[in-house]
Amino acid sequence: MSLLQQRIAEKIAQHGSYRAAGAVLDFDHTYLYRLANGSKTDPGDKLLRKLGLRRVVTYVDKREPQS
């Protein structure tokens, strides 16, 4: 389970349902559900902030062997 999915699960547990969590976070409950089950990825910065997260992108040079 990703950190994003964990945070959404915490909000669902805290508020009792996707619909209630969506209302508190001001996002559609179906959007939260799709993020939680992995069918949707790449949430916006607004939702990430409300979940206490920030996006970090890492690049790796494919020309160098990985250890």
PDB file of N, CA and C in Angstrom:
ATOM      1  N   MET A   1       0.856  -1.176   0.000  1.00  0.00           N
ATOM      2  CA  MET A   1       0.000   0.000   0.000  1.00  0.00           C
ATOM      3  C   MET A   1       0.904   1.243   0.000  1.00  0.00           C
ATOM      4  N   SER A   2       0.621   2.146  -0.891  1.00  0.00           N
ATOM      5  CA  SER A   2       1.405   3.374  -0.984  1.00  0.00           C
ATOM      6  C   SER A   2       1.058   4.325   0.159  1.00  0.00           C
ATOM      7  N   LEU A   3       1.921   5.293   0.369  1.00  0.00           N
ATOM      8  CA  LEU A   3       1.656   6.300   1.401  1.00  0.00           C
ATOM      9  C   LEU A   3       0.364   7.052   1.094  1.00  0.00           C
ATOM     10  N   LEU A   4       0.127   7.361  -0.172  1.00  0.00           N
ATOM     11  CA  LEU A   4      -1.124   8.020  -0.569  1.00  0.00           C
ATOM     12  C   LEU A   4      -2.326   7.167  -0.166  1.00  0.00           C
ATOM     13  N   GLN A   5      -2.279   5.887  -0.479  1.00  0.00           N
ATOM     14  CA  GLN A   5      -3.388   4.998  -0.133  1.00  0.00           C
ATOM     15  C   GLN A   5      -3.562   4.885   1.377  1.00  0.00           C
ATOM     16  N   GLN A   6      -2.454   4.887   2.113  1.00  0.00           N
ATOM     17  CA  GLN A   6      -2.534   4.840   3.575  1.00  0.00           C
ATOM     18  C   GLN A   6      -3.234   6.076   4.126  1.00  0.00           C
ATOM     19  N   ARG A   7      -2.869   7.249   3.621  1.00  0.00           N
ATOM     20  CA  ARG A   7      -3.483   8.490   4.112  1.00  0.00           C
ATOM     21  C   ARG A   7      -4.968   8.528   3.801  1.00  0.00           C
ATOM     22  N   ILE A   8      -5.344   8.073   2.613  1.00  0.00           N
ATOM     23  CA  ILE A   8      -6.769   8.038   2.276  1.00  0.00           C
ATOM     24  C   ILE A   8      -7.487   7.063   3.203  1.00  0.00           C
ATOM     25  N   ALA A   9      -6.893   5.909   3.454  1.00  0.00           N
ATOM     26  CA  ALA A   9      -7.493   4.926   4.375  1.00  0.00           C
ATOM     27  C   ALA A   9      -7.674   5.514   5.772  1.00  0.00           C
ATOM     28  N   GLU A  10      -6.696   6.294   6.218  1.00  0.00           N
ATOM     29  CA  GLU A  10      -6.813   6.950   7.527  1.00  0.00           C
ATOM     30  C   GLU A  10      -8.002   7.904   7.547  1.00  0.00           C
ATOM     31  N   LYS A  11      -8.175   8.668   6.476  1.00  0.00           N
ATOM     32  CA  LYS A  11      -9.302   9.612   6.405  1.00  0.00           C
ATOM     33  C   LYS A  11     -10.634   8.866   6.374  1.00  0.00           C
ATOM     34  N   ILE A  12     -10.683   7.752   5.661  1.00  0.00           N
ATOM     35  CA  ILE A  12     -11.914   6.951   5.611  1.00  0.00           C
ATOM     36  C   ILE A  12     -12.228   6.426   7.015  1.00  0.00           C
ATOM     37  N   ALA A  13     -11.213   5.910   7.692  1.00  0.00           N
ATOM     38  CA  ALA A  13     -11.417   5.401   9.053  1.00  0.00           C
ATOM     39  C   ALA A  13     -11.848   6.519   9.997  1.00  0.00           C
ATOM     40  N   GLN A  14     -11.241   7.675   9.846  1.00  0.00           N
ATOM     41  CA  GLN A  14     -11.548   8.816  10.713  1.00  0.00           C
ATOM     42  C   GLN A  14     -12.972   9.321  10.506  1.00  0.00           C
ATOM     43  N   HIS A  15     -13.431   9.349   9.250  1.00  0.00           N
ATOM     44  CA  HIS A  15     -14.729   9.954   8.951  1.00  0.00           C
ATOM     45  C   HIS A  15     -15.832   8.949   8.643  1.00  0.00           C
ATOM     46  N   GLY A  16     -15.488   7.670   8.504  1.00  0.00           N
ATOM     47  CA  GLY A  16     -16.503   6.631   8.402  1.00  0.00           C
ATOM     48  C   GLY A  16     -16.862   6.163   7.003  1.00  0.00           C
ATOM     49  N   SER A  17     -16.566   6.934   5.978  1.00  0.00           N
ATOM     50  CA  SER A  17     -16.897   6.516   4.611  1.00  0.00           C
ATOM     51  C   SER A  17     -16.153   7.393   3.608  1.00  0.00           C
ATOM     52  N   TYR A  18     -16.104   6.917   2.379  1.00  0.00           N
ATOM     53  CA  TYR A  18     -15.516   7.734   1.306  1.00  0.00           C
ATOM     54  C   TYR A  18     -16.308   9.028   1.124  1.00  0.00           C
ATOM     55  N   ARG A  19     -17.616   8.914   1.197  1.00  0.00           N
ATOM     56  CA  ARG A  19     -18.464  10.088   1.000  1.00  0.00           C
ATOM     57  C   ARG A  19     -18.202  11.142   2.079  1.00  0.00           C
ATOM     58  N   ALA A  20     -18.120  10.718   3.332  1.00  0.00           N
ATOM     59  CA  ALA A  20     -17.884  11.659   4.430  1.00  0.00           C
ATOM     60  C   ALA A  20     -16.477  12.259   4.340  1.00  0.00           C
ATOM     61  N   ALA A  21     -15.485  11.437   4.038  1.00  0.00           N
ATOM     62  CA  ALA A  21     -14.117  11.940   3.899  1.00  0.00           C
ATOM     63  C   ALA A  21     -14.028  12.914   2.727  1.00  0.00           C
ATOM     64  N   GLY A  22     -14.699  12.592   1.640  1.00  0.00           N
ATOM     65  CA  GLY A  22     -14.716  13.484   0.486  1.00  0.00           C
ATOM     66  C   GLY A  22     -15.313  14.835   0.828  1.00  0.00           C
ATOM     67  N   ALA A  23     -16.369  14.823   1.625  1.00  0.00           N
ATOM     68  CA  ALA A  23     -17.013  16.075   2.022  1.00  0.00           C
ATOM     69  C   ALA A  23     -16.064  16.924   2.874  1.00  0.00           C
ATOM     70  N   VAL A  24     -15.361  16.291   3.796  1.00  0.00           N
ATOM     71  CA  VAL A  24     -14.427  17.008   4.667  1.00  0.00           C
ATOM     72  C   VAL A  24     -13.242  17.559   3.859  1.00  0.00           C
ATOM     73  N   LEU A  25     -12.732  16.740   2.931  1.00  0.00           N
ATOM     74  CA  LEU A  25     -11.571  17.158   2.131  1.00  0.00           C
ATOM     75  C   LEU A  25     -11.964  18.041   0.950  1.00  0.00           C
ATOM     76  N   ASP A  26     -13.253  18.137   0.672  1.00  0.00           N
ATOM     77  CA  ASP A  26     -13.776  18.903  -0.456  1.00  0.00           C
ATOM     78  C   ASP A  26     -13.358  18.300  -1.802  1.00  0.00           C
ATOM     79  N   PHE A  27     -13.448  16.957  -1.875  1.00  0.00           N
ATOM     80  CA  PHE A  27     -13.187  16.210  -3.102  1.00  0.00           C
ATOM     81  C   PHE A  27     -14.274  15.174  -3.293  1.00  0.00           C
ATOM     82  N   ASP A  28     -14.540  14.847  -4.541  1.00  0.00           N
ATOM     83  CA  ASP A  28     -15.547  13.841  -4.852  1.00  0.00           C
ATOM     84  C   ASP A  28     -15.137  12.485  -4.267  1.00  0.00           C
ATOM     85  N   HIS A  29     -16.086  11.810  -3.641  1.00  0.00           N
ATOM     86  CA  HIS A  29     -15.782  10.526  -3.003  1.00  0.00           C
ATOM     87  C   HIS A  29     -15.342   9.470  -4.013  1.00  0.00           C
ATOM     88  N   THR A  30     -15.815   9.546  -5.246  1.00  0.00           N
ATOM     89  CA  THR A  30     -15.391   8.555  -6.252  1.00  0.00           C
ATOM     90  C   THR A  30     -13.934   8.778  -6.653  1.00  0.00           C
ATOM     91  N   TYR A  31     -13.492  10.024  -6.652  1.00  0.00           N
ATOM     92  CA  TYR A  31     -12.082  10.346  -6.925  1.00  0.00           C
ATOM     93  C   TYR A  31     -11.196   9.733  -5.841  1.00  0.00           C
ATOM     94  N   LEU A  32     -11.592   9.895  -4.581  1.00  0.00           N
ATOM     95  CA  LEU A  32     -10.833   9.293  -3.478  1.00  0.00           C
ATOM     96  C   LEU A  32     -10.794   7.776  -3.606  1.00  0.00           C
ATOM     97  N   TYR A  33     -11.924   7.195  -3.973  1.00  0.00           N
ATOM     98  CA  TYR A  33     -11.988   5.732  -4.128  1.00  0.00           C
ATOM     99  C   TYR A  33     -11.043   5.259  -5.230  1.00  0.00           C
ATOM    100  N   ARG A  34     -11.029   5.947  -6.362  1.00  0.00           N
ATOM    101  CA  ARG A  34     -10.155   5.546  -7.466  1.00  0.00           C
ATOM    102  C   ARG A  34      -8.679   5.700  -7.090  1.00  0.00           C
ATOM    103  N   LEU A  35      -8.350   6.731  -6.341  1.00  0.00           N
ATOM    104  CA  LEU A  35      -6.969   6.882  -5.864  1.00  0.00           C
ATOM    105  C   LEU A  35      -6.619   5.772  -4.871  1.00  0.00           C
ATOM    106  N   ALA A  36      -7.548   5.439  -3.998  1.00  0.00           N
ATOM    107  CA  ALA A  36      -7.302   4.438  -2.967  1.00  0.00           C
ATOM    108  C   ALA A  36      -7.107   3.048  -3.545  1.00  0.00           C
ATOM    109  N   ASN A  37      -7.821   2.729  -4.622  1.00  0.00           N
ATOM    110  CA  ASN A  37      -7.683   1.382  -5.179  1.00  0.00           C
ATOM    111  C   ASN A  37      -6.661   1.309  -6.308  1.00  0.00           C
ATOM    112  N   GLY A  38      -6.029   2.434  -6.624  1.00  0.00           N
ATOM    113  CA  GLY A  38      -4.955   2.434  -7.599  1.00  0.00           C
ATOM    114  C   GLY A  38      -5.375   2.586  -9.046  1.00  0.00           C
ATOM    115  N   SER A  39      -6.671   2.701  -9.308  1.00  0.00           N
ATOM    116  CA  SER A  39      -7.108   2.872 -10.699  1.00  0.00           C
ATOM    117  C   SER A  39      -6.845   4.287 -11.194  1.00  0.00           C
ATOM    118  N   LYS A  40      -6.636   5.211 -10.278  1.00  0.00           N
ATOM    119  CA  LYS A  40      -6.248   6.584 -10.621  1.00  0.00           C
ATOM    120  C   LYS A  40      -4.958   6.889  -9.872  1.00  0.00           C
ATOM    121  N   THR A  41      -4.051   7.547 -10.547  1.00  0.00           N
ATOM    122  CA  THR A  41      -2.792   7.933  -9.912  1.00  0.00           C
ATOM    123  C   THR A  41      -2.574   9.415 -10.164  1.00  0.00           C
ATOM    124  N   ASP A  42      -1.527   9.948  -9.617  1.00  0.00           N
ATOM    125  CA  ASP A  42      -1.144  11.330  -9.843  1.00  0.00           C
ATOM    126  C   ASP A  42      -2.171  12.340  -9.322  1.00  0.00           C
ATOM    127  N   PRO A  43      -2.420  12.337  -8.013  1.00  0.00           N
ATOM    128  CA  PRO A  43      -3.358  13.316  -7.448  1.00  0.00           C
ATOM    129  C   PRO A  43      -2.802  14.729  -7.546  1.00  0.00           C
ATOM    130  N   GLY A  44      -3.671  15.689  -7.521  1.00  0.00           N
ATOM    131  CA  GLY A  44      -3.267  17.085  -7.583  1.00  0.00           C
ATOM    132  C   GLY A  44      -2.650  17.569  -6.285  1.00  0.00           C
ATOM    133  N   ASP A  45      -1.961  18.693  -6.392  1.00  0.00           N
ATOM    134  CA  ASP A  45      -1.282  19.269  -5.227  1.00  0.00           C
ATOM    135  C   ASP A  45      -2.254  19.659  -4.119  1.00  0.00           C
ATOM    136  N   LYS A  46      -3.446  20.100  -4.476  1.00  0.00           N
ATOM    137  CA  LYS A  46      -4.433  20.512  -3.471  1.00  0.00           C
ATOM    138  C   LYS A  46      -4.787  19.339  -2.553  1.00  0.00           C
ATOM    139  N   LEU A  47      -5.069  18.184  -3.142  1.00  0.00           N
ATOM    140  CA  LEU A  47      -5.400  17.012  -2.324  1.00  0.00           C
ATOM    141  C   LEU A  47      -4.180  16.551  -1.532  1.00  0.00           C
ATOM    142  N   LEU A  48      -3.029  16.543  -2.155  1.00  0.00           N
ATOM    143  CA  LEU A  48      -1.824  16.134  -1.436  1.00  0.00           C
ATOM    144  C   LEU A  48      -1.608  17.004  -0.195  1.00  0.00           C
ATOM    145  N   ARG A  49      -1.778  18.306  -0.337  1.00  0.00           N
ATOM    146  CA  ARG A  49      -1.641  19.202   0.819  1.00  0.00           C
ATOM    147  C   ARG A  49      -2.642  18.842   1.908  1.00  0.00           C
ATOM    148  N   LYS A  50      -3.877  18.587   1.524  1.00  0.00           N
ATOM    149  CA  LYS A  50      -4.908  18.264   2.519  1.00  0.00           C
ATOM    150  C   LYS A  50      -4.630  16.938   3.220  1.00  0.00           C
ATOM    151  N   LEU A  51      -3.865  16.062   2.547  1.00  0.00           N
ATOM    152  CA  LEU A  51      -3.495  14.779   3.157  1.00  0.00           C
ATOM    153  C   LEU A  51      -2.147  14.859   3.880  1.00  0.00           C
ATOM    154  N   GLY A  52      -1.535  16.048   3.860  1.00  0.00           N
ATOM    155  CA  GLY A  52      -0.248  16.216   4.520  1.00  0.00           C
ATOM    156  C   GLY A  52       0.902  15.592   3.751  1.00  0.00           C
ATOM    157  N   LEU A  53       0.786  15.539   2.436  1.00  0.00           N
ATOM    158  CA  LEU A  53       1.812  14.938   1.589  1.00  0.00           C
ATOM    159  C   LEU A  53       2.336  15.958   0.592  1.00  0.00           C
ATOM    160  N   ARG A  54       3.474  15.654   0.000  1.00  0.00           N
ATOM    161  CA  ARG A  54       3.973  16.449  -1.116  1.00  0.00           C
ATOM    162  C   ARG A  54       4.596  15.507  -2.126  1.00  0.00           C
ATOM    163  N   ARG A  55       4.555  15.906  -3.370  1.00  0.00           N
ATOM    164  CA  ARG A  55       5.075  15.097  -4.464  1.00  0.00           C
ATOM    165  C   ARG A  55       6.595  15.237  -4.509  1.00  0.00           C
ATOM    166  N   VAL A  56       7.280  14.093  -4.673  1.00  0.00           N
ATOM    167  CA  VAL A  56       8.720  14.065  -4.847  1.00  0.00           C
ATOM    168  C   VAL A  56       8.996  13.216  -6.083  1.00  0.00           C
ATOM    169  N   VAL A  57       9.689  13.799  -7.048  1.00  0.00           N
ATOM    170  CA  VAL A  57      10.011  13.085  -8.281  1.00  0.00           C
ATOM    171  C   VAL A  57      11.501  12.795  -8.287  1.00  0.00           C
ATOM    172  N   THR A  58      11.861  11.573  -8.613  1.00  0.00           N
ATOM    173  CA  THR A  58      13.255  11.172  -8.658  1.00  0.00           C
ATOM    174  C   THR A  58      13.586  10.659 -10.044  1.00  0.00           C
ATOM    175  N   TYR A  59      14.750  11.046 -10.536  1.00  0.00           N
ATOM    176  CA  TYR A  59      15.232  10.577 -11.834  1.00  0.00           C
ATOM    177  C   TYR A  59      16.490   9.752 -11.624  1.00  0.00           C
ATOM    178  N   VAL A  60      16.630   8.715 -12.431  1.00  0.00           N
ATOM    179  CA  VAL A  60      17.786   7.832 -12.346  1.00  0.00           C
ATOM    180  C   VAL A  60      18.425   7.752 -13.720  1.00  0.00           C
ATOM    181  N   ASP A  61      19.743   7.826 -13.769  1.00  0.00           N
ATOM    182  CA  ASP A  61      20.479   7.702 -15.024  1.00  0.00           C
ATOM    183  C   ASP A  61      20.522   6.227 -15.411  1.00  0.00           C
ATOM    184  N   LYS A  62      19.839   5.886 -16.482  1.00  0.00           N
ATOM    185  CA  LYS A  62      19.765   4.501 -16.931  1.00  0.00           C
ATOM    186  C   LYS A  62      21.078   4.021 -17.546  1.00  0.00           C
ATOM    187  N   ARG A  63      21.961   4.942 -17.855  1.00  0.00           N
ATOM    188  CA  ARG A  63      23.237   4.552 -18.476  1.00  0.00           C
ATOM    189  C   ARG A  63      24.195   3.946 -17.467  1.00  0.00           C
ATOM    190  N   GLU A  64      23.963   4.205 -16.192  1.00  0.00           N
ATOM    191  CA  GLU A  64      24.854   3.669 -15.174  1.00  0.00           C
ATOM    192  C   GLU A  64      24.206   2.459 -14.512  1.00  0.00           C
ATOM    193  N   PRO A  65      24.989   1.397 -14.291  1.00  0.00           N
ATOM    194  CA  PRO A  65      24.412   0.190 -13.686  1.00  0.00           C
ATOM    195  C   PRO A  65      23.897   0.470 -12.273  1.00  0.00           C
ATOM    196  N   GLN A  66      22.791  -0.145 -11.942  1.00  0.00           N
ATOM    197  CA  GLN A  66      22.199  -0.010 -10.613  1.00  0.00           C
ATOM    198  C   GLN A  66      22.780  -1.053  -9.689  1.00  0.00           C
ATOM    199  N   SER A  67      23.028  -0.681  -8.443  1.00  0.00           N
ATOM    200  CA  SER A  67      23.582  -1.640  -7.476  1.00  0.00           C
ATOM    201  C   SER A  67      22.495  -2.282  -6.664  1.00  0.00           C
TER     202      SER A  67
END
